[in-house]
Amino acid sequence: MIVLGALLNGIEALLGALIGLAFKSHVSNNLGDFLLKGQGLCVVLVAVQGMAAKGGNIVVVTLAVALGGVIGWMLEIDGAVHRLGDWVQTRLDEVLPTGGQLGSFSLGFVNATLFCCTGAMAIVGSLASGLSLDHSTLIAKGIIDLVVCIPMAASMGVGVPFVAMSLFVYEGLLSLGASLIAPLLTEAVIAEMSVTGSLLLLAVGTNLLGITQLKVADFLPACFLPIVLVPLVNLLPLV
């Protein structure tokens, strides 16, 4: 089953989010902000480890981020994700008028989705599932997601558990896609995709720390451009 890894990863993240949501009522705004900054530090660490593990061709990564940012900006991916979160928030407020006690759906959903769906492990694990039915990386990543989603849900609220759906769809599509375009996914391409994803994860971390306010979702297409860019750059003798 190609999407088994994505399914298990989503279940693990959901479990962590539900545990964190159970403690939401005991977390004050100040404590929630403090926990959020702590998670920002952890996300930065994971991102740096992901970038250091594979190296990366600066030309490919730079082009991928530039072109991917233009594509994402034109498609308004970040705006679409936030609008989805706001729409669900409105529906939840109509059904469960809790006065905001469960937190902002959009805040939790967007940040949890960006953390769990970007980065080297999400990309490499999904590709491994699709290419060789090796789900071990996604299962191991799920443990990290479980741990991280506990304080995320406790501080950001009801939107975090819905990251399970994002994970299943995103990683599942990656796995299925990998099985269809296997010849294009060389070791060099996967390495550049991993580094680019980790770079975006770094942006997620700095956003959580309040250092930046980057629209990270608009850069998501950059993760997949190395499939095209690596062969093109390899044709240049000086790169």
Protein backbone atom coordinates (compact mmCIF):
# COMPACT_ATOMS: atom_id res chain seq x y z
CA MET A 1 0.00 0.00 0.00
CA ILE A 2 1.84 3.07 -1.26
CA VAL A 3 0.08 5.57 1.02
CA LEU A 4 0.44 3.51 4.21
CA GLY A 5 3.30 5.68 5.48
CA ALA A 6 1.28 8.86 4.94
CA LEU A 7 -1.70 7.34 6.73
CA LEU A 8 0.33 6.26 9.75
CA ASN A 9 2.11 9.62 9.91
CA GLY A 10 -1.26 11.39 9.93
CA ILE A 11 -2.57 9.16 12.72
CA GLU A 12 0.51 9.81 14.85
CA ALA A 13 0.20 13.57 14.41
CA LEU A 14 -3.52 13.40 15.19
CA LEU A 15 -2.84 11.53 18.42
CA GLY A 16 -0.33 14.14 19.59
CA ALA A 17 -2.68 16.99 18.66
CA LEU A 18 -5.59 15.44 20.57
CA ILE A 19 -3.41 15.01 23.65
CA GLY A 20 -2.37 18.66 23.43
CA LEU A 21 -5.93 19.83 22.84
CA ALA A 22 -7.00 18.08 26.04
CA PHE A 23 -4.72 20.45 27.96
CA LYS A 24 -5.73 23.57 26.02
CA SER A 25 -7.99 24.90 28.78
CA HIS A 26 -5.08 24.82 31.25
CA VAL A 27 -2.74 26.87 29.05
CA SER A 28 -2.84 30.65 29.48
CA ASN A 29 -2.12 33.04 26.62
CA ASN A 30 1.31 33.86 28.04
CA LEU A 31 2.20 30.20 28.47
CA GLY A 32 0.88 29.44 24.99
CA ASP A 33 3.11 32.14 23.49
CA PHE A 34 6.07 30.79 25.46
CA LEU A 35 5.44 27.24 24.21
CA LEU A 36 5.08 28.53 20.66
CA LYS A 37 8.50 30.18 20.80
CA GLY A 38 9.96 26.94 22.12
CA GLN A 39 8.51 25.04 19.18
CA GLY A 40 9.99 27.67 16.88
CA LEU A 41 13.45 26.84 18.24
CA CYS A 42 12.84 23.12 17.71
CA VAL A 43 11.66 23.68 14.14
CA VAL A 44 14.81 25.71 13.40
CA LEU A 45 16.93 22.84 14.76
CA VAL A 46 15.14 20.27 12.57
CA ALA A 47 15.54 22.53 9.54
CA VAL A 48 19.27 23.08 10.10
CA GLN A 49 19.82 19.34 10.55
CA GLY A 50 17.95 18.67 7.31
CA MET A 51 20.05 21.18 5.37
CA ALA A 52 23.34 19.96 6.85
CA ALA A 53 22.65 16.29 6.14
CA LYS A 54 22.54 16.53 2.34
CA GLY A 55 24.53 19.63 1.43
CA GLY A 56 22.89 21.15 -1.63
CA ASN A 57 23.72 23.01 -4.82
CA ILE A 58 23.24 26.71 -4.07
CA VAL A 59 22.36 27.44 -7.70
CA VAL A 60 19.57 24.86 -7.76
CA VAL A 61 18.19 25.89 -4.36
CA THR A 62 18.30 29.61 -5.19
CA LEU A 63 16.56 29.11 -8.53
CA ALA A 64 14.00 26.78 -6.96
CA VAL A 65 13.10 29.27 -4.23
CA ALA A 66 12.95 32.19 -6.66
CA LEU A 67 10.86 30.46 -9.31
CA GLY A 68 8.79 28.54 -6.78
CA GLY A 69 8.03 31.77 -4.93
CA VAL A 70 6.79 33.40 -8.13
CA ILE A 71 4.58 30.40 -8.90
CA GLY A 72 3.19 30.27 -5.37
CA TRP A 73 2.60 34.02 -5.31
CA MET A 74 0.70 33.87 -8.60
CA LEU A 75 -1.39 30.94 -7.33
CA GLU A 76 -1.90 32.65 -3.93
CA ILE A 77 -1.32 29.37 -2.10
CA ASP A 78 -0.80 31.04 1.27
CA GLY A 79 -3.98 33.06 0.93
CA ALA A 80 -5.95 29.98 -0.10
CA VAL A 81 -4.74 28.00 2.92
CA HIS A 82 -5.61 30.83 5.30
CA ARG A 83 -9.01 31.34 3.68
CA LEU A 84 -9.73 27.64 4.14
CA GLY A 85 -8.76 27.93 7.80
CA ASP A 86 -10.90 31.03 8.30
CA TRP A 87 -13.88 29.35 6.60
CA VAL A 88 -13.64 26.33 8.89
CA GLN A 89 -13.24 28.68 11.88
CA THR A 90 -16.52 30.40 10.96
CA ARG A 91 -18.34 27.08 10.67
CA LEU A 92 -16.93 25.91 14.00
CA ASP A 93 -18.00 29.13 15.72
CA GLU A 94 -21.54 28.56 14.46
CA VAL A 95 -21.65 24.97 15.73
CA LEU A 96 -19.51 25.36 18.85
CA PRO A 97 -19.79 28.94 20.19
CA THR A 98 -16.89 28.60 22.66
CA GLY A 99 -15.82 32.21 22.63
CA GLY A 100 -12.41 31.36 21.21
CA GLN A 101 -11.50 29.00 24.03
CA LEU A 102 -10.45 26.31 21.56
CA GLY A 103 -8.09 28.72 19.81
CA SER A 104 -7.89 29.95 16.25
CA PHE A 105 -8.45 27.15 13.75
CA SER A 106 -6.53 28.97 11.02
CA LEU A 107 -3.51 29.63 13.25
CA GLY A 108 -3.21 26.04 14.41
CA PHE A 109 -4.05 24.41 11.07
CA VAL A 110 -1.67 26.52 8.98
CA ASN A 111 1.32 26.33 11.33
CA ALA A 112 0.94 22.61 12.02
CA THR A 113 0.51 21.88 8.31
CA LEU A 114 3.58 23.87 7.34
CA PHE A 115 5.69 22.20 10.03
CA CYS A 116 4.57 18.66 9.25
CA CYS A 117 4.47 18.92 5.46
CA THR A 118 7.74 20.74 4.76
CA GLY A 119 11.23 19.58 5.53
CA ALA A 120 13.49 16.77 4.43
CA MET A 121 11.77 13.90 6.22
CA ALA A 122 8.37 14.62 4.68
CA ILE A 123 9.83 14.69 1.19
CA VAL A 124 12.34 11.84 1.48
CA GLY A 125 9.93 9.66 3.45
CA SER A 126 7.13 10.13 0.93
CA LEU A 127 9.43 9.37 -1.97
CA ALA A 128 10.72 6.24 -0.22
CA SER A 129 7.15 5.07 0.28
CA GLY A 130 6.36 5.57 -3.39
CA LEU A 131 9.59 4.20 -4.83
CA SER A 132 10.25 1.19 -2.60
CA LEU A 133 7.27 0.86 -0.22
CA ASP A 134 9.66 1.75 2.62
CA HIS A 135 7.48 3.57 5.16
CA SER A 136 10.03 3.66 7.99
CA THR A 137 11.02 7.31 7.49
CA LEU A 138 7.42 8.55 7.59
CA ILE A 139 6.67 6.42 10.65
CA ALA A 140 9.74 7.83 12.42
CA LYS A 141 8.73 11.34 11.32
CA GLY A 142 5.29 10.65 12.78
CA ILE A 143 6.83 10.24 16.23
CA ILE A 144 8.41 13.69 15.92
CA ASP A 145 5.09 15.13 14.69
CA LEU A 146 3.29 13.50 17.62
CA VAL A 147 5.64 15.13 20.14
CA VAL A 148 5.60 18.55 18.45
CA CYS A 149 1.81 18.60 17.97
CA ILE A 150 1.20 18.25 21.72
CA PRO A 151 2.44 21.76 22.68
CA MET A 152 1.23 23.14 19.34
CA ALA A 153 -2.34 22.06 20.04
CA ALA A 154 -2.11 23.14 23.67
CA SER A 155 -1.05 26.63 22.60
CA MET A 156 -2.79 27.10 19.21
CA GLY A 157 -5.90 25.02 19.61
CA VAL A 158 -8.45 23.17 17.56
CA GLY A 159 -6.90 23.59 14.12
CA VAL A 160 -3.85 21.45 14.90
CA PRO A 161 -5.56 18.00 14.82
CA PHE A 162 -6.67 18.65 11.24
CA VAL A 163 -3.02 18.42 10.21
CA ALA A 164 -3.70 14.68 9.94
CA MET A 165 -5.71 15.33 6.77
CA SER A 166 -3.02 17.61 5.35
CA LEU A 167 -0.38 14.96 5.97
CA PHE A 168 -2.34 12.16 4.39
CA VAL A 169 -3.19 14.17 1.27
CA TYR A 170 0.25 15.80 0.83
CA GLU A 171 2.45 12.81 1.60
CA GLY A 172 0.04 10.43 -0.10
CA LEU A 173 0.15 12.44 -3.33
CA LEU A 174 3.94 12.65 -3.12
CA SER A 175 4.19 8.90 -2.69
CA LEU A 176 1.84 8.20 -5.58
CA GLY A 177 3.62 10.74 -7.75
CA ALA A 178 7.01 9.22 -6.95
CA SER A 179 5.85 5.83 -8.14
CA LEU A 180 4.83 7.37 -11.47
CA ILE A 181 7.96 9.47 -12.16
CA ALA A 182 10.59 7.22 -10.55
CA PRO A 183 13.16 7.62 -13.39
CA LEU A 184 13.30 11.39 -12.80
CA LEU A 185 13.95 11.10 -9.06
CA THR A 186 17.69 10.64 -9.04
CA GLU A 187 19.74 10.86 -5.85
CA ALA A 188 20.79 14.41 -6.75
CA VAL A 189 17.19 15.51 -7.34
CA ILE A 190 16.01 14.04 -4.02
CA ALA A 191 18.92 15.73 -2.21
CA GLU A 192 18.03 19.16 -3.62
CA MET A 193 14.34 18.66 -2.86
CA SER A 194 15.27 17.80 0.72
CA VAL A 195 17.48 20.85 1.19
CA THR A 196 14.87 23.16 -0.31
CA GLY A 197 12.18 21.71 1.94
CA SER A 198 14.40 22.13 5.00
CA LEU A 199 15.04 25.76 4.02
CA LEU A 200 11.28 26.37 3.97
CA LEU A 201 11.02 24.64 7.34
CA LEU A 202 13.58 27.13 8.66
CA ALA A 203 11.23 29.91 7.55
CA VAL A 204 8.41 28.22 9.50
CA GLY A 205 10.62 28.26 12.59
CA THR A 206 11.54 31.94 12.29
CA ASN A 207 7.85 32.76 11.80
CA LEU A 208 6.97 30.93 15.02
CA LEU A 209 9.72 32.84 16.81
CA GLY A 210 8.24 36.11 15.56
CA ILE A 211 11.42 37.02 13.68
CA THR A 212 9.80 36.93 10.23
CA GLN A 213 6.33 36.94 8.73
CA LEU A 214 7.01 35.01 5.56
CA LYS A 215 4.20 33.49 3.51
CA VAL A 216 5.85 30.08 3.55
CA ALA A 217 3.02 28.31 1.72
CA ASP A 218 3.69 30.47 -1.34
CA PHE A 219 7.15 28.89 -1.57
CA LEU A 220 5.94 25.27 -1.52
CA PRO A 221 6.30 24.82 -5.31
CA ALA A 222 10.04 25.35 -4.79
CA CYS A 223 10.32 21.89 -3.22
CA PHE A 224 9.48 20.21 -6.50
CA LEU A 225 11.35 22.38 -9.01
CA PRO A 226 14.66 20.49 -8.53
CA ILE A 227 13.08 17.72 -10.62
CA VAL A 228 13.46 20.09 -13.57
CA LEU A 229 16.34 22.28 -12.41
CA VAL A 230 18.90 19.62 -11.51
CA PRO A 231 19.12 18.19 -15.06
CA LEU A 232 19.25 21.70 -16.51
CA VAL A 233 21.96 22.91 -14.16
CA ASN A 234 24.01 19.77 -14.81
CA LEU A 235 24.23 20.84 -18.43
CA LEU A 236 26.20 23.92 -17.35
CA PRO A 237 29.91 23.00 -17.20
CA LEU A 238 30.84 25.51 -14.49
CA VAL A 239 28.06 24.66 -12.00
